Amino acid sequence: MKQDGSVWAKGRNLFGQLGDGTTIAKNTFTTVFTSGVKAVAAGHSHSMVLKQDGSVWSTGSNVHGQLGDGSTIDRNSFMF
């Protein structure tokens, strides 16, 4: 996360944990959020973002319900 509240990500992305709408590995940084992010947390195969408005967004592997959306469906884009 940058000081302007933007989030950039890179990596393996097998489960969509970068949140860029793909499951394609990235070896250069790609913008995921352009602003408004307060904090970022990442697990082995999922990521979560706390926005400045208090909302929590998640993406990636959800096999054990770790995205908190009530399902076990993997996501490759951040879901509110």
PDB file of N, CA and C in Angstrom:
ATOM      1  N   MET A   1       0.836  -1.170   0.000  1.00  0.00           N
ATOM      2  CA  MET A   1       0.000   0.000   0.000  1.00  0.00           C
ATOM      3  C   MET A   1       0.887   1.241   0.000  1.00  0.00           C
ATOM      4  N   LYS A   2       0.495   2.191  -0.812  1.00  0.00           N
ATOM      5  CA  LYS A   2       1.242   3.438  -0.870  1.00  0.00           C
ATOM      6  C   LYS A   2       0.568   4.496   0.011  1.00  0.00           C
ATOM      7  N   GLN A   3       1.265   5.589   0.272  1.00  0.00           N
ATOM      8  CA  GLN A   3       0.728   6.646   1.135  1.00  0.00           C
ATOM      9  C   GLN A   3      -0.567   7.244   0.597  1.00  0.00           C
ATOM     10  N   ASP A   4      -0.782   7.204  -0.707  1.00  0.00           N
ATOM     11  CA  ASP A   4      -2.006   7.759  -1.284  1.00  0.00           C
ATOM     12  C   ASP A   4      -3.206   6.818  -1.161  1.00  0.00           C
ATOM     13  N   GLY A   5      -3.021   5.666  -0.508  1.00  0.00           N
ATOM     14  CA  GLY A   5      -4.114   4.714  -0.310  1.00  0.00           C
ATOM     15  C   GLY A   5      -4.294   3.749  -1.459  1.00  0.00           C
ATOM     16  N   SER A   6      -3.388   3.766  -2.426  1.00  0.00           N
ATOM     17  CA  SER A   6      -3.460   2.804  -3.529  1.00  0.00           C
ATOM     18  C   SER A   6      -2.780   1.500  -3.119  1.00  0.00           C
ATOM     19  N   VAL A   7      -3.197   0.417  -3.769  1.00  0.00           N
ATOM     20  CA  VAL A   7      -2.624  -0.892  -3.512  1.00  0.00           C
ATOM     21  C   VAL A   7      -2.116  -1.464  -4.830  1.00  0.00           C
ATOM     22  N   TRP A   8      -0.892  -1.951  -4.782  1.00  0.00           N
ATOM     23  CA  TRP A   8      -0.250  -2.571  -5.931  1.00  0.00           C
ATOM     24  C   TRP A   8       0.116  -3.987  -5.524  1.00  0.00           C
ATOM     25  N   ALA A   9       0.008  -4.936  -6.454  1.00  0.00           N
ATOM     26  CA  ALA A   9       0.275  -6.330  -6.109  1.00  0.00           C
ATOM     27  C   ALA A   9       1.022  -7.038  -7.230  1.00  0.00           C
ATOM     28  N   LYS A  10       1.772  -8.051  -6.838  1.00  0.00           N
ATOM     29  CA  LYS A  10       2.405  -8.942  -7.811  1.00  0.00           C
ATOM     30  C   LYS A  10       2.593 -10.288  -7.143  1.00  0.00           C
ATOM     31  N   GLY A  11       2.791 -11.326  -7.946  1.00  0.00           N
ATOM     32  CA  GLY A  11       3.026 -12.643  -7.392  1.00  0.00           C
ATOM     33  C   GLY A  11       2.375 -13.748  -8.188  1.00  0.00           C
ATOM     34  N   ARG A  12       2.290 -14.914  -7.571  1.00  0.00           N
ATOM     35  CA  ARG A  12       1.841 -16.131  -8.245  1.00  0.00           C
ATOM     36  C   ARG A  12       0.392 -16.060  -8.708  1.00  0.00           C
ATOM     37  N   ASN A  13      -0.538 -15.643  -7.868  1.00  0.00           N
ATOM     38  CA  ASN A  13      -1.930 -15.380  -8.238  1.00  0.00           C
ATOM     39  C   ASN A  13      -2.718 -16.618  -8.646  1.00  0.00           C
ATOM     40  N   LEU A  14      -2.330 -17.786  -8.203  1.00  0.00           N
ATOM     41  CA  LEU A  14      -2.993 -19.034  -8.576  1.00  0.00           C
ATOM     42  C   LEU A  14      -4.480 -19.038  -8.238  1.00  0.00           C
ATOM     43  N   PHE A  15      -4.860 -18.408  -7.143  1.00  0.00           N
ATOM     44  CA  PHE A  15      -6.256 -18.395  -6.704  1.00  0.00           C
ATOM     45  C   PHE A  15      -6.911 -17.026  -6.888  1.00  0.00           C
ATOM     46  N   GLY A  16      -6.251 -16.101  -7.572  1.00  0.00           N
ATOM     47  CA  GLY A  16      -6.789 -14.762  -7.742  1.00  0.00           C
ATOM     48  C   GLY A  16      -6.502 -13.859  -6.569  1.00  0.00           C
ATOM     49  N   GLN A  17      -5.539 -14.233  -5.734  1.00  0.00           N
ATOM     50  CA  GLN A  17      -5.256 -13.473  -4.518  1.00  0.00           C
ATOM     51  C   GLN A  17      -4.718 -12.076  -4.764  1.00  0.00           C
ATOM     52  N   LEU A  18      -4.329 -11.763  -5.992  1.00  0.00           N
ATOM     53  CA  LEU A  18      -3.904 -10.386  -6.288  1.00  0.00           C
ATOM     54  C   LEU A  18      -5.112  -9.467  -6.454  1.00  0.00           C
ATOM     55  N   GLY A  19      -6.259 -10.040  -6.808  1.00  0.00           N
ATOM     56  CA  GLY A  19      -7.484  -9.249  -6.907  1.00  0.00           C
ATOM     57  C   GLY A  19      -7.600  -8.419  -8.169  1.00  0.00           C
ATOM     58  N   ASP A  20      -6.838  -8.760  -9.195  1.00  0.00           N
ATOM     59  CA  ASP A  20      -6.869  -7.979 -10.435  1.00  0.00           C
ATOM     60  C   ASP A  20      -7.820  -8.545 -11.479  1.00  0.00           C
ATOM     61  N   GLY A  21      -8.660  -9.515 -11.094  1.00  0.00           N
ATOM     62  CA  GLY A  21      -9.626 -10.101 -12.010  1.00  0.00           C
ATOM     63  C   GLY A  21      -9.094 -11.277 -12.812  1.00  0.00           C
ATOM     64  N   THR A  22      -7.860 -11.709 -12.529  1.00  0.00           N
ATOM     65  CA  THR A  22      -7.261 -12.830 -13.252  1.00  0.00           C
ATOM     66  C   THR A  22      -6.695 -13.845 -12.276  1.00  0.00           C
ATOM     67  N   THR A  23      -6.223 -14.948 -12.823  1.00  0.00           N
ATOM     68  CA  THR A  23      -5.430 -15.917 -12.056  1.00  0.00           C
ATOM     69  C   THR A  23      -4.075 -16.086 -12.743  1.00  0.00           C
ATOM     70  N   ILE A  24      -3.629 -15.043 -13.407  1.00  0.00           N
ATOM     71  CA  ILE A  24      -2.357 -15.039 -14.115  1.00  0.00           C
ATOM     72  C   ILE A  24      -1.279 -14.454 -13.204  1.00  0.00           C
ATOM     73  N   ALA A  25      -0.160 -15.167 -13.079  1.00  0.00           N
ATOM     74  CA  ALA A  25       0.952 -14.679 -12.261  1.00  0.00           C
ATOM     75  C   ALA A  25       1.485 -13.369 -12.843  1.00  0.00           C
ATOM     76  N   LYS A  26       1.861 -12.462 -11.950  1.00  0.00           N
ATOM     77  CA  LYS A  26       2.402 -11.164 -12.357  1.00  0.00           C
ATOM     78  C   LYS A  26       3.798 -11.007 -11.772  1.00  0.00           C
ATOM     79  N   ASN A  27       4.779 -10.677 -12.616  1.00  0.00           N
ATOM     80  CA  ASN A  27       6.129 -10.445 -12.102  1.00  0.00           C
ATOM     81  C   ASN A  27       6.469  -8.963 -12.032  1.00  0.00           C
ATOM     82  N   THR A  28       5.498  -8.125 -12.364  1.00  0.00           N
ATOM     83  CA  THR A  28       5.603  -6.678 -12.139  1.00  0.00           C
ATOM     84  C   THR A  28       4.344  -6.231 -11.406  1.00  0.00           C
ATOM     85  N   PHE A  29       4.456  -5.140 -10.679  1.00  0.00           N
ATOM     86  CA  PHE A  29       3.322  -4.660  -9.903  1.00  0.00           C
ATOM     87  C   PHE A  29       2.177  -4.189 -10.797  1.00  0.00           C
ATOM     88  N   THR A  30       0.959  -4.508 -10.386  1.00  0.00           N
ATOM     89  CA  THR A  30      -0.251  -4.065 -11.055  1.00  0.00           C
ATOM     90  C   THR A  30      -1.129  -3.353 -10.033  1.00  0.00           C
ATOM     91  N   THR A  31      -1.800  -2.300 -10.431  1.00  0.00           N
ATOM     92  CA  THR A  31      -2.656  -1.550  -9.519  1.00  0.00           C
ATOM     93  C   THR A  31      -3.935  -2.329  -9.246  1.00  0.00           C
ATOM     94  N   VAL A  32      -4.269  -2.469  -7.963  1.00  0.00           N
ATOM     95  CA  VAL A  32      -5.477  -3.171  -7.570  1.00  0.00           C
ATOM     96  C   VAL A  32      -6.533  -2.183  -7.057  1.00  0.00           C
ATOM     97  N   PHE A  33      -6.123  -1.228  -6.240  1.00  0.00           N
ATOM     98  CA  PHE A  33      -6.975  -0.121  -5.788  1.00  0.00           C
ATOM     99  C   PHE A  33      -6.222   1.168  -6.069  1.00  0.00           C
ATOM    100  N   THR A  34      -6.916   2.177  -6.556  1.00  0.00           N
ATOM    101  CA  THR A  34      -6.245   3.448  -6.862  1.00  0.00           C
ATOM    102  C   THR A  34      -6.204   4.393  -5.669  1.00  0.00           C
ATOM    103  N   SER A  35      -7.077   4.192  -4.676  1.00  0.00           N
ATOM    104  CA  SER A  35      -7.090   5.058  -3.490  1.00  0.00           C
ATOM    105  C   SER A  35      -8.032   4.471  -2.448  1.00  0.00           C
ATOM    106  N   GLY A  36      -8.052   5.090  -1.279  1.00  0.00           N
ATOM    107  CA  GLY A  36      -9.049   4.771  -0.265  1.00  0.00           C
ATOM    108  C   GLY A  36      -8.758   3.584   0.629  1.00  0.00           C
ATOM    109  N   VAL A  37      -7.555   3.028   0.577  1.00  0.00           N
ATOM    110  CA  VAL A  37      -7.241   1.858   1.393  1.00  0.00           C
ATOM    111  C   VAL A  37      -6.510   2.289   2.661  1.00  0.00           C
ATOM    112  N   LYS A  38      -6.941   1.696   3.782  1.00  0.00           N
ATOM    113  CA  LYS A  38      -6.335   2.007   5.082  1.00  0.00           C
ATOM    114  C   LYS A  38      -5.335   0.930   5.514  1.00  0.00           C
ATOM    115  N   ALA A  39      -5.620  -0.350   5.205  1.00  0.00           N
ATOM    116  CA  ALA A  39      -4.744  -1.446   5.610  1.00  0.00           C
ATOM    117  C   ALA A  39      -4.921  -2.635   4.675  1.00  0.00           C
ATOM    118  N   VAL A  40      -3.878  -3.471   4.624  1.00  0.00           N
ATOM    119  CA  VAL A  40      -3.887  -4.673   3.786  1.00  0.00           C
ATOM    120  C   VAL A  40      -3.414  -5.846   4.628  1.00  0.00           C
ATOM    121  N   ALA A  41      -4.048  -7.008   4.441  1.00  0.00           N
ATOM    122  CA  ALA A  41      -3.605  -8.250   5.077  1.00  0.00           C
ATOM    123  C   ALA A  41      -3.631  -9.339   4.022  1.00  0.00           C
ATOM    124  N   ALA A  42      -2.667 -10.238   4.082  1.00  0.00           N
ATOM    125  CA  ALA A  42      -2.609 -11.313   3.092  1.00  0.00           C
ATOM    126  C   ALA A  42      -2.253 -12.629   3.752  1.00  0.00           C
ATOM    127  N   GLY A  43      -2.927 -13.673   3.318  1.00  0.00           N
ATOM    128  CA  GLY A  43      -2.594 -15.023   3.730  1.00  0.00           C
ATOM    129  C   GLY A  43      -1.816 -15.691   2.612  1.00  0.00           C
ATOM    130  N   HIS A  44      -1.686 -16.999   2.691  1.00  0.00           N
ATOM    131  CA  HIS A  44      -0.950 -17.743   1.667  1.00  0.00           C
ATOM    132  C   HIS A  44      -1.620 -17.631   0.305  1.00  0.00           C
ATOM    133  N   SER A  45      -2.950 -17.656   0.276  1.00  0.00           N
ATOM    134  CA  SER A  45      -3.652 -17.670  -1.005  1.00  0.00           C
ATOM    135  C   SER A  45      -4.873 -16.758  -1.040  1.00  0.00           C
ATOM    136  N   HIS A  46      -4.927 -15.798  -0.138  1.00  0.00           N
ATOM    137  CA  HIS A  46      -6.015 -14.820  -0.169  1.00  0.00           C
ATOM    138  C   HIS A  46      -5.509 -13.478   0.361  1.00  0.00           C
ATOM    139  N   SER A  47      -6.264 -12.428   0.069  1.00  0.00           N
ATOM    140  CA  SER A  47      -5.901 -11.078   0.504  1.00  0.00           C
ATOM    141  C   SER A  47      -7.145 -10.350   0.983  1.00  0.00           C
ATOM    142  N   MET A  48      -6.955  -9.443   1.934  1.00  0.00           N
ATOM    143  CA  MET A  48      -8.048  -8.629   2.456  1.00  0.00           C
ATOM    144  C   MET A  48      -7.589  -7.181   2.542  1.00  0.00           C
ATOM    145  N   VAL A  49      -8.520  -6.284   2.310  1.00  0.00           N
ATOM    146  CA  VAL A  49      -8.234  -4.852   2.338  1.00  0.00           C
ATOM    147  C   VAL A  49      -9.274  -4.170   3.221  1.00  0.00           C
ATOM    148  N   LEU A  50      -8.809  -3.304   4.113  1.00  0.00           N
ATOM    149  CA  LEU A  50      -9.684  -2.455   4.911  1.00  0.00           C
ATOM    150  C   LEU A  50      -9.668  -1.083   4.259  1.00  0.00           C
ATOM    151  N   LYS A  51     -10.840  -0.644   3.809  1.00  0.00           N
ATOM    152  CA  LYS A  51     -10.917   0.658   3.162  1.00  0.00           C
ATOM    153  C   LYS A  51     -11.131   1.739   4.225  1.00  0.00           C
ATOM    154  N   GLN A  52     -10.861   2.966   3.862  1.00  0.00           N
ATOM    155  CA  GLN A  52     -10.993   4.084   4.801  1.00  0.00           C
ATOM    156  C   GLN A  52     -12.426   4.278   5.275  1.00  0.00           C
ATOM    157  N   ASP A  53     -13.402   3.809   4.515  1.00  0.00           N
ATOM    158  CA  ASP A  53     -14.805   3.936   4.927  1.00  0.00           C
ATOM    159  C   ASP A  53     -15.230   2.827   5.890  1.00  0.00           C
ATOM    160  N   GLY A  54     -14.286   1.917   6.248  1.00  0.00           N
ATOM    161  CA  GLY A  54     -14.562   0.843   7.195  1.00  0.00           C
ATOM    162  C   GLY A  54     -14.975  -0.465   6.543  1.00  0.00           C
ATOM    163  N   SER A  55     -15.192  -0.490   5.245  1.00  0.00           N
ATOM    164  CA  SER A  55     -15.575  -1.727   4.567  1.00  0.00           C
ATOM    165  C   SER A  55     -14.355  -2.631   4.388  1.00  0.00           C
ATOM    166  N   VAL A  56     -14.615  -3.937   4.358  1.00  0.00           N
ATOM    167  CA  VAL A  56     -13.562  -4.926   4.176  1.00  0.00           C
ATOM    168  C   VAL A  56     -13.814  -5.654   2.861  1.00  0.00           C
ATOM    169  N   TRP A  57     -12.766  -5.750   2.051  1.00  0.00           N
ATOM    170  CA  TRP A  57     -12.833  -6.393   0.750  1.00  0.00           C
ATOM    171  C   TRP A  57     -11.889  -7.589   0.756  1.00  0.00           C
ATOM    172  N   SER A  58     -12.270  -8.694   0.076  1.00  0.00           N
ATOM    173  CA  SER A  58     -11.428  -9.885   0.081  1.00  0.00           C
ATOM    174  C   SER A  58     -11.397 -10.537  -1.299  1.00  0.00           C
ATOM    175  N   THR A  59     -10.331 -11.314  -1.540  1.00  0.00           N
ATOM    176  CA  THR A  59     -10.150 -12.010  -2.814  1.00  0.00           C
ATOM    177  C   THR A  59      -9.235 -13.208  -2.624  1.00  0.00           C
ATOM    178  N   GLY A  60      -9.334 -14.177  -3.528  1.00  0.00           N
ATOM    179  CA  GLY A  60      -8.437 -15.323  -3.511  1.00  0.00           C
ATOM    180  C   GLY A  60      -9.120 -16.626  -3.171  1.00  0.00           C
ATOM    181  N   SER A  61      -8.352 -17.562  -2.618  1.00  0.00           N
ATOM    182  CA  SER A  61      -8.880 -18.871  -2.257  1.00  0.00           C
ATOM    183  C   SER A  61      -9.890 -18.736  -1.128  1.00  0.00           C
ATOM    184  N   ASN A  62     -10.969 -19.484  -1.253  1.00  0.00           N
ATOM    185  CA  ASN A  62     -12.037 -19.426  -0.263  1.00  0.00           C
ATOM    186  C   ASN A  62     -12.484 -20.825   0.132  1.00  0.00           C
ATOM    187  N   VAL A  63     -11.616 -21.814  -0.058  1.00  0.00           N
ATOM    188  CA  VAL A  63     -11.964 -23.211   0.178  1.00  0.00           C
ATOM    189  C   VAL A  63     -12.437 -23.455   1.615  1.00  0.00           C
ATOM    190  N   HIS A  64     -11.954 -22.691   2.556  1.00  0.00           N
ATOM    191  CA  HIS A  64     -12.356 -22.826   3.956  1.00  0.00           C
ATOM    192  C   HIS A  64     -13.188 -21.642   4.435  1.00  0.00           C
ATOM    193  N   GLY A  65     -13.712 -20.844   3.510  1.00  0.00           N
ATOM    194  CA  GLY A  65     -14.527 -19.690   3.867  1.00  0.00           C
ATOM    195  C   GLY A  65     -13.741 -18.498   4.353  1.00  0.00           C
ATOM    196  N   GLN A  66     -12.439 -18.457   4.060  1.00  0.00           N
ATOM    197  CA  GLN A  66     -11.585 -17.399   4.596  1.00  0.00           C
ATOM    198  C   GLN A  66     -11.888 -16.012   4.049  1.00  0.00           C
ATOM    199  N   LEU A  67     -12.656 -15.900   2.968  1.00  0.00           N
ATOM    200  CA  LEU A  67     -12.990 -14.577   2.446  1.00  0.00           C
ATOM    201  C   LEU A  67     -14.153 -13.940   3.204  1.00  0.00           C
ATOM    202  N   GLY A  68     -14.867 -14.728   3.995  1.00  0.00           N
ATOM    203  CA  GLY A  68     -15.914 -14.187   4.848  1.00  0.00           C
ATOM    204  C   GLY A  68     -17.189 -13.794   4.133  1.00  0.00           C
ATOM    205  N   ASP A  69     -17.413 -14.342   2.935  1.00  0.00           N
ATOM    206  CA  ASP A  69     -18.624 -13.977   2.182  1.00  0.00           C
ATOM    207  C   ASP A  69     -19.738 -15.017   2.301  1.00  0.00           C
ATOM    208  N   GLY A  70     -19.558 -16.006   3.180  1.00  0.00           N
ATOM    209  CA  GLY A  70     -20.586 -17.021   3.388  1.00  0.00           C
ATOM    210  C   GLY A  70     -20.554 -18.156   2.379  1.00  0.00           C
ATOM    211  N   SER A  71     -19.548 -18.169   1.504  1.00  0.00           N
ATOM    212  CA  SER A  71     -19.448 -19.226   0.504  1.00  0.00           C
ATOM    213  C   SER A  71     -18.082 -19.891   0.583  1.00  0.00           C
ATOM    214  N   THR A  72     -17.853 -20.847  -0.289  1.00  0.00           N
ATOM    215  CA  THR A  72     -16.530 -21.446  -0.449  1.00  0.00           C
ATOM    216  C   THR A  72     -16.075 -21.313  -1.904  1.00  0.00           C
ATOM    217  N   ILE A  73     -16.529 -20.254  -2.562  1.00  0.00           N
ATOM    218  CA  ILE A  73     -16.179 -19.979  -3.953  1.00  0.00           C
ATOM    219  C   ILE A  73     -14.969 -19.059  -3.999  1.00  0.00           C
ATOM    220  N   ASP A  74     -13.924 -19.470  -4.731  1.00  0.00           N
ATOM    221  CA  ASP A  74     -12.746 -18.627  -4.912  1.00  0.00           C
ATOM    222  C   ASP A  74     -13.126 -17.368  -5.690  1.00  0.00           C
ATOM    223  N   ARG A  75     -12.441 -16.272  -5.429  1.00  0.00           N
ATOM    224  CA  ARG A  75     -12.689 -15.000  -6.120  1.00  0.00           C
ATOM    225  C   ARG A  75     -11.368 -14.483  -6.689  1.00  0.00           C
ATOM    226  N   ASN A  76     -11.411 -13.912  -7.895  1.00  0.00           N
ATOM    227  CA  ASN A  76     -10.202 -13.323  -8.455  1.00  0.00           C
ATOM    228  C   ASN A  76     -10.278 -11.797  -8.538  1.00  0.00           C
ATOM    229  N   SER A  77     -11.364 -11.253  -8.006  1.00  0.00           N
ATOM    230  CA  SER A  77     -11.526  -9.806  -7.865  1.00  0.00           C
ATOM    231  C   SER A  77     -11.974  -9.524  -6.447  1.00  0.00           C
ATOM    232  N   PHE A  78     -11.591  -8.394  -5.920  1.00  0.00           N
ATOM    233  CA  PHE A  78     -12.002  -8.036  -4.563  1.00  0.00           C
ATOM    234  C   PHE A  78     -13.515  -7.908  -4.482  1.00  0.00           C
ATOM    235  N   MET A  79     -14.097  -8.545  -3.481  1.00  0.00           N
ATOM    236  CA  MET A  79     -15.539  -8.513  -3.247  1.00  0.00           C
ATOM    237  C   MET A  79     -15.797  -7.800  -1.926  1.00  0.00           C
ATOM    238  N   PHE A  80     -16.834  -7.010  -1.872  1.00  0.00           N
ATOM    239  CA  PHE A  80     -17.214  -6.259  -0.684  1.00  0.00           C
ATOM    240  C   PHE A  80     -18.133  -7.105   0.152  1.00  0.00           C
TER     241      PHE A  80
END
